[in-house]
């Protein structure tokens, strides 16, 4: 089984993020879900991002790093939207990472210096008409990553919703979210069994 570190999105640590983590735990994986907002959850994404900005994005990133450093290096890093920045940075720069799942965001690989580690498999998930993921260049960064990394997959889902995987938000899309969970569970199973090195 895999050990997983999940970073929440801009709303905060919602029940939907907790439910996602629970699905992974139910499959036997060890899952850590830190609260980088100190217990605050925001009704709108705008409020949540404003809070992150006021707190300081560097502070949020430092909190994520501090959590990771208390855990084994051999983690699968999963991030939702804003949380992708921490998940991608740690997977790309912290030695020992076993994998990454980037949901509804993706930064250019150059953002964190150098190339994607060849031994770190990665999945990226997003909706094909999401104004954030598709409209702000994340999908282009994801295509670049998939083209450069030896074990990488990009999954696009029809729709224009952001945070479609969070069951506690109005943007939730049950069918697409179920596909994401199934694909992530397959990814984790493959990592847990040591079968990495080529995309499936």
C-alpha atoms as a PDB file:
ATOM      1  CA  UNK A   1       0.000   0.000   0.000  1.00  0.00           C
ATOM      2  CA  UNK A   2       1.052   3.603  -0.553  1.00  0.00           C
ATOM      3  CA  UNK A   3       1.538   6.433   1.932  1.00  0.00           C
ATOM      4  CA  UNK A   4      -0.205   9.560   0.683  1.00  0.00           C
ATOM      5  CA  UNK A   5      -0.096  13.258   1.550  1.00  0.00           C
ATOM      6  CA  UNK A   6      -3.152  15.232   0.380  1.00  0.00           C
ATOM      7  CA  UNK A   7      -3.238  19.043   0.154  1.00  0.00           C
ATOM      8  CA  UNK A   8      -6.612  20.781   0.146  1.00  0.00           C
ATOM      9  CA  UNK A   9      -7.810  23.451  -2.269  1.00  0.00           C
ATOM     10  CA  UNK A  10      -8.546  27.123  -1.724  1.00  0.00           C
ATOM     11  CA  UNK A  11     -11.762  26.618   0.240  1.00  0.00           C
ATOM     12  CA  UNK A  12      -9.799  24.884   2.987  1.00  0.00           C
ATOM     13  CA  UNK A  13     -10.049  21.380   4.407  1.00  0.00           C
ATOM     14  CA  UNK A  14     -13.658  20.674   3.435  1.00  0.00           C
ATOM     15  CA  UNK A  15     -15.656  17.557   4.174  1.00  0.00           C
ATOM     16  CA  UNK A  16     -15.342  16.741   0.476  1.00  0.00           C
ATOM     17  CA  UNK A  17     -11.552  16.623   0.692  1.00  0.00           C
ATOM     18  CA  UNK A  18     -11.846  14.533   3.856  1.00  0.00           C
ATOM     19  CA  UNK A  19     -14.246  12.186   2.041  1.00  0.00           C
ATOM     20  CA  UNK A  20     -11.776  11.785  -0.834  1.00  0.00           C
ATOM     21  CA  UNK A  21      -9.041  10.903   1.635  1.00  0.00           C
ATOM     22  CA  UNK A  22     -11.424   8.452   3.272  1.00  0.00           C
ATOM     23  CA  UNK A  23     -11.896   6.644  -0.035  1.00  0.00           C
ATOM     24  CA  UNK A  24      -8.152   6.138  -0.278  1.00  0.00           C
ATOM     25  CA  UNK A  25      -7.945   4.954   3.322  1.00  0.00           C
ATOM     26  CA  UNK A  26     -10.784   2.546   2.625  1.00  0.00           C
ATOM     27  CA  UNK A  27      -8.594   0.921  -0.014  1.00  0.00           C
ATOM     28  CA  UNK A  28      -5.885   0.350   2.580  1.00  0.00           C
ATOM     29  CA  UNK A  29      -3.592   3.314   1.964  1.00  0.00           C
ATOM     30  CA  UNK A  30      -2.125   5.501   4.717  1.00  0.00           C
ATOM     31  CA  UNK A  31      -3.375   9.033   4.088  1.00  0.00           C
ATOM     32  CA  UNK A  32      -2.359  12.326   5.725  1.00  0.00           C
ATOM     33  CA  UNK A  33      -4.587  15.370   5.171  1.00  0.00           C
ATOM     34  CA  UNK A  34      -3.094  18.461   6.831  1.00  0.00           C
ATOM     35  CA  UNK A  35      -5.163  21.584   7.437  1.00  0.00           C
ATOM     36  CA  UNK A  36      -3.079  24.451   6.084  1.00  0.00           C
ATOM     37  CA  UNK A  37      -5.773  27.006   7.001  1.00  0.00           C
ATOM     38  CA  UNK A  38      -5.793  26.328  10.757  1.00  0.00           C
ATOM     39  CA  UNK A  39      -9.400  25.156  10.803  1.00  0.00           C
ATOM     40  CA  UNK A  40     -10.908  27.814   8.556  1.00  0.00           C
ATOM     41  CA  UNK A  41     -13.133  26.750   5.668  1.00  0.00           C
ATOM     42  CA  UNK A  42     -14.544  29.311   3.247  1.00  0.00           C
ATOM     43  CA  UNK A  43     -17.878  29.248   1.435  1.00  0.00           C
ATOM     44  CA  UNK A  44     -16.453  30.694  -1.771  1.00  0.00           C
ATOM     45  CA  UNK A  45     -13.193  30.123  -3.565  1.00  0.00           C
ATOM     46  CA  UNK A  46     -12.628  33.869  -3.738  1.00  0.00           C
ATOM     47  CA  UNK A  47     -12.777  34.145   0.055  1.00  0.00           C
ATOM     48  CA  UNK A  48     -10.444  31.196   0.456  1.00  0.00           C
ATOM     49  CA  UNK A  49      -7.865  32.526  -1.982  1.00  0.00           C
ATOM     50  CA  UNK A  50      -8.061  35.938  -0.314  1.00  0.00           C
ATOM     51  CA  UNK A  51      -7.334  34.237   3.001  1.00  0.00           C
ATOM     52  CA  UNK A  52      -4.361  32.413   1.491  1.00  0.00           C
ATOM     53  CA  UNK A  53      -3.082  35.684   0.075  1.00  0.00           C
ATOM     54  CA  UNK A  54      -3.465  37.440   3.407  1.00  0.00           C
ATOM     55  CA  UNK A  55      -1.746  34.584   5.224  1.00  0.00           C
ATOM     56  CA  UNK A  56       0.915  34.526   2.535  1.00  0.00           C
ATOM     57  CA  UNK A  57       1.310  31.898  -0.169  1.00  0.00           C
ATOM     58  CA  UNK A  58       4.878  31.373   1.011  1.00  0.00           C
ATOM     59  CA  UNK A  59       3.536  30.685   4.509  1.00  0.00           C
ATOM     60  CA  UNK A  60       1.056  28.149   3.155  1.00  0.00           C
ATOM     61  CA  UNK A  61       3.879  26.485   1.202  1.00  0.00           C
ATOM     62  CA  UNK A  62       6.083  26.423   4.293  1.00  0.00           C
ATOM     63  CA  UNK A  63       3.320  24.746   6.295  1.00  0.00           C
ATOM     64  CA  UNK A  64       3.009  22.089   3.596  1.00  0.00           C
ATOM     65  CA  UNK A  65       6.749  21.497   3.611  1.00  0.00           C
ATOM     66  CA  UNK A  66       6.821  21.241   7.395  1.00  0.00           C
ATOM     67  CA  UNK A  67       4.156  18.542   7.296  1.00  0.00           C
ATOM     68  CA  UNK A  68       6.011  16.596   4.619  1.00  0.00           C
ATOM     69  CA  UNK A  69       9.269  16.757   6.532  1.00  0.00           C
ATOM     70  CA  UNK A  70       7.657  15.049   9.518  1.00  0.00           C
ATOM     71  CA  UNK A  71       6.728  12.107   7.293  1.00  0.00           C
ATOM     72  CA  UNK A  72       8.737   9.532   5.352  1.00  0.00           C
ATOM     73  CA  UNK A  73      10.178  10.756   2.061  1.00  0.00           C
ATOM     74  CA  UNK A  74       8.473   7.938   0.137  1.00  0.00           C
ATOM     75  CA  UNK A  75       5.135   9.687  -0.283  1.00  0.00           C
ATOM     76  CA  UNK A  76       2.608  10.056  -3.052  1.00  0.00           C
ATOM     77  CA  UNK A  77       1.715  13.765  -3.116  1.00  0.00           C
ATOM     78  CA  UNK A  78      -1.845  14.684  -4.086  1.00  0.00           C
ATOM     79  CA  UNK A  79      -3.124  18.233  -4.449  1.00  0.00           C
ATOM     80  CA  UNK A  80      -6.408  19.860  -5.354  1.00  0.00           C
ATOM     81  CA  UNK A  81      -6.237  23.204  -7.196  1.00  0.00           C
ATOM     82  CA  UNK A  82      -4.261  25.514  -4.853  1.00  0.00           C
ATOM     83  CA  UNK A  83      -2.921  22.418  -3.109  1.00  0.00           C
ATOM     84  CA  UNK A  84      -1.351  21.262  -6.371  1.00  0.00           C
ATOM     85  CA  UNK A  85       1.383  23.860  -5.931  1.00  0.00           C
ATOM     86  CA  UNK A  86       2.632  22.129  -2.781  1.00  0.00           C
ATOM     87  CA  UNK A  87       2.056  18.615  -4.113  1.00  0.00           C
ATOM     88  CA  UNK A  88       3.871  19.299  -7.374  1.00  0.00           C
ATOM     89  CA  UNK A  89       6.735  21.163  -5.722  1.00  0.00           C
ATOM     90  CA  UNK A  90       7.361  18.417  -3.176  1.00  0.00           C
ATOM     91  CA  UNK A  91       7.053  15.605  -5.714  1.00  0.00           C
ATOM     92  CA  UNK A  92       9.429  17.393  -8.049  1.00  0.00           C
ATOM     93  CA  UNK A  93      12.028  18.552  -5.530  1.00  0.00           C
ATOM     94  CA  UNK A  94      11.946  16.297  -2.449  1.00  0.00           C
ATOM     95  CA  UNK A  95      14.028  13.156  -3.006  1.00  0.00           C
ATOM     96  CA  UNK A  96      12.197   9.888  -2.443  1.00  0.00           C
ATOM     97  CA  UNK A  97       8.749  10.848  -3.703  1.00  0.00           C
ATOM     98  CA  UNK A  98       6.877   7.844  -5.103  1.00  0.00           C
ATOM     99  CA  UNK A  99       4.280   9.664  -7.172  1.00  0.00           C
ATOM    100  CA  UNK A 100       2.064  12.702  -7.663  1.00  0.00           C
ATOM    101  CA  UNK A 101      -1.582  13.342  -8.500  1.00  0.00           C
ATOM    102  CA  UNK A 102      -2.388  16.890  -9.592  1.00  0.00           C
ATOM    103  CA  UNK A 103      -6.110  17.625  -9.617  1.00  0.00           C
ATOM    104  CA  UNK A 104      -7.492  20.716 -11.384  1.00  0.00           C
ATOM    105  CA  UNK A 105      -4.177  22.543 -11.587  1.00  0.00           C
ATOM    106  CA  UNK A 106      -0.679  22.061 -12.960  1.00  0.00           C
ATOM    107  CA  UNK A 107       2.296  24.414 -12.958  1.00  0.00           C
ATOM    108  CA  UNK A 108       5.007  24.449 -15.617  1.00  0.00           C
ATOM    109  CA  UNK A 109       7.800  22.072 -14.634  1.00  0.00           C
ATOM    110  CA  UNK A 110      10.235  24.981 -14.819  1.00  0.00           C
ATOM    111  CA  UNK A 111       8.354  26.664 -11.962  1.00  0.00           C
ATOM    112  CA  UNK A 112      10.165  24.379  -9.541  1.00  0.00           C
ATOM    113  CA  UNK A 113      13.423  24.127 -11.461  1.00  0.00           C
ATOM    114  CA  UNK A 114      14.756  21.515 -13.803  1.00  0.00           C
ATOM    115  CA  UNK A 115      12.989  18.487 -15.201  1.00  0.00           C
ATOM    116  CA  UNK A 116      10.384  16.212 -13.701  1.00  0.00           C
ATOM    117  CA  UNK A 117      12.078  13.313 -11.836  1.00  0.00           C
ATOM    118  CA  UNK A 118      12.167  10.301 -14.136  1.00  0.00           C
ATOM    119  CA  UNK A 119      11.285   7.867 -11.357  1.00  0.00           C
ATOM    120  CA  UNK A 120       8.184   9.762 -10.127  1.00  0.00           C
ATOM    121  CA  UNK A 121       4.958   8.747 -11.906  1.00  0.00           C
ATOM    122  CA  UNK A 122       2.302  11.453 -12.166  1.00  0.00           C
ATOM    123  CA  UNK A 123      -1.364  11.845 -13.043  1.00  0.00           C
ATOM    124  CA  UNK A 124      -3.118  15.129 -13.884  1.00  0.00           C
ATOM    125  CA  UNK A 125      -6.921  15.473 -13.826  1.00  0.00           C
ATOM    126  CA  UNK A 126      -9.094  18.396 -14.920  1.00  0.00           C
ATOM    127  CA  UNK A 127     -12.190  19.426 -16.851  1.00  0.00           C
ATOM    128  CA  UNK A 128     -11.646  20.394 -20.458  1.00  0.00           C
ATOM    129  CA  UNK A 129     -13.576  23.683 -20.194  1.00  0.00           C
ATOM    130  CA  UNK A 130     -12.740  24.629 -16.598  1.00  0.00           C
ATOM    131  CA  UNK A 131     -12.004  28.384 -16.795  1.00  0.00           C
ATOM    132  CA  UNK A 132      -9.118  27.946 -14.354  1.00  0.00           C
ATOM    133  CA  UNK A 133      -7.565  24.664 -15.487  1.00  0.00           C
ATOM    134  CA  UNK A 134      -8.228  25.006 -19.216  1.00  0.00           C
ATOM    135  CA  UNK A 135      -8.450  28.784 -19.432  1.00  0.00           C
ATOM    136  CA  UNK A 136      -5.353  29.835 -17.498  1.00  0.00           C
ATOM    137  CA  UNK A 137      -2.741  27.587 -19.047  1.00  0.00           C
ATOM    138  CA  UNK A 138      -2.682  24.699 -16.577  1.00  0.00           C
ATOM    139  CA  UNK A 139      -3.768  22.182 -19.180  1.00  0.00           C
ATOM    140  CA  UNK A 140      -0.915  23.323 -21.417  1.00  0.00           C
ATOM    141  CA  UNK A 141       1.531  22.812 -18.543  1.00  0.00           C
ATOM    142  CA  UNK A 142      -0.005  19.377 -17.984  1.00  0.00           C
ATOM    143  CA  UNK A 143       0.459  18.423 -21.639  1.00  0.00           C
ATOM    144  CA  UNK A 144       4.078  19.572 -21.463  1.00  0.00           C
ATOM    145  CA  UNK A 145       4.622  17.502 -18.321  1.00  0.00           C
ATOM    146  CA  UNK A 146       3.042  14.407 -19.847  1.00  0.00           C
ATOM    147  CA  UNK A 147       5.126  14.838 -22.968  1.00  0.00           C
ATOM    148  CA  UNK A 148       8.360  15.059 -20.987  1.00  0.00           C
ATOM    149  CA  UNK A 149       7.887  12.626 -18.090  1.00  0.00           C
ATOM    150  CA  UNK A 150       8.338   8.901 -18.776  1.00  0.00           C
ATOM    151  CA  UNK A 151       5.369   7.850 -16.590  1.00  0.00           C
ATOM    152  CA  UNK A 152       2.673  10.487 -16.840  1.00  0.00           C
ATOM    153  CA  UNK A 153      -1.030  10.616 -17.672  1.00  0.00           C
ATOM    154  CA  UNK A 154      -3.437  13.485 -18.338  1.00  0.00           C
ATOM    155  CA  UNK A 155      -7.156  12.821 -17.894  1.00  0.00           C
ATOM    156  CA  UNK A 156      -9.618  15.398 -19.236  1.00  0.00           C
ATOM    157  CA  UNK A 157     -13.291  15.273 -18.286  1.00  0.00           C
ATOM    158  CA  UNK A 158     -16.096  17.012 -20.187  1.00  0.00           C
ATOM    159  CA  UNK A 159     -17.373  20.091 -18.378  1.00  0.00           C
ATOM    160  CA  UNK A 160     -16.564  23.557 -17.109  1.00  0.00           C
ATOM    161  CA  UNK A 161     -16.582  23.020 -13.348  1.00  0.00           C
ATOM    162  CA  UNK A 162     -13.687  23.795 -11.048  1.00  0.00           C
ATOM    163  CA  UNK A 163     -13.383  21.650  -7.900  1.00  0.00           C
ATOM    164  CA  UNK A 164     -15.681  19.038  -9.454  1.00  0.00           C
ATOM    165  CA  UNK A 165     -14.187  16.337  -7.222  1.00  0.00           C
ATOM    166  CA  UNK A 166     -15.340  17.881  -3.914  1.00  0.00           C
ATOM    167  CA  UNK A 167     -18.622  16.308  -2.806  1.00  0.00           C
ATOM    168  CA  UNK A 168     -19.308  19.152  -0.359  1.00  0.00           C
ATOM    169  CA  UNK A 169     -19.351  21.904  -3.007  1.00  0.00           C
ATOM    170  CA  UNK A 170     -22.000  22.913  -5.574  1.00  0.00           C
ATOM    171  CA  UNK A 171     -19.430  22.324  -8.333  1.00  0.00           C
ATOM    172  CA  UNK A 172     -19.342  18.582  -7.592  1.00  0.00           C
ATOM    173  CA  UNK A 173     -19.793  16.255 -10.560  1.00  0.00           C
ATOM    174  CA  UNK A 174     -20.456  12.782  -9.204  1.00  0.00           C
ATOM    175  CA  UNK A 175     -19.745  10.823 -12.375  1.00  0.00           C
ATOM    176  CA  UNK A 176     -16.474  12.579 -13.179  1.00  0.00           C
ATOM    177  CA  UNK A 177     -15.375  12.520  -9.535  1.00  0.00           C
ATOM    178  CA  UNK A 178     -15.973   8.769  -9.395  1.00  0.00           C
ATOM    179  CA  UNK A 179     -13.712   8.341 -12.421  1.00  0.00           C
ATOM    180  CA  UNK A 180     -11.008  10.393 -10.728  1.00  0.00           C
ATOM    181  CA  UNK A 181     -11.179   8.283  -7.572  1.00  0.00           C
ATOM    182  CA  UNK A 182     -11.080   5.039  -9.555  1.00  0.00           C
ATOM    183  CA  UNK A 183      -8.066   6.198 -11.569  1.00  0.00           C
ATOM    184  CA  UNK A 184      -6.236   7.463  -8.481  1.00  0.00           C
ATOM    185  CA  UNK A 185      -6.872   4.173  -6.689  1.00  0.00           C
ATOM    186  CA  UNK A 186      -5.481   2.288  -9.684  1.00  0.00           C
ATOM    187  CA  UNK A 187      -2.448   4.566  -9.700  1.00  0.00           C
ATOM    188  CA  UNK A 188      -1.827   4.029  -5.982  1.00  0.00           C
ATOM    189  CA  UNK A 189      -2.247   0.277  -6.335  1.00  0.00           C
ATOM    190  CA  UNK A 190       0.348   0.239  -9.087  1.00  0.00           C
ATOM    191  CA  UNK A 191       2.768   2.263  -6.954  1.00  0.00           C
ATOM    192  CA  UNK A 192       2.083   0.125  -3.917  1.00  0.00           C
ATOM    193  CA  UNK A 193       2.984  -2.968  -5.923  1.00  0.00           C
ATOM    194  CA  UNK A 194       6.123  -1.340  -7.300  1.00  0.00           C
ATOM    195  CA  UNK A 195       4.864  -1.347 -10.885  1.00  0.00           C
ATOM    196  CA  UNK A 196       6.064   2.048 -12.101  1.00  0.00           C
ATOM    197  CA  UNK A 197       8.129   3.139 -15.027  1.00  0.00           C
ATOM    198  CA  UNK A 198       5.571   3.246 -17.819  1.00  0.00           C
ATOM    199  CA  UNK A 199       2.154   4.838 -18.132  1.00  0.00           C
ATOM    200  CA  UNK A 200      -0.873   2.581 -18.181  1.00  0.00           C
END
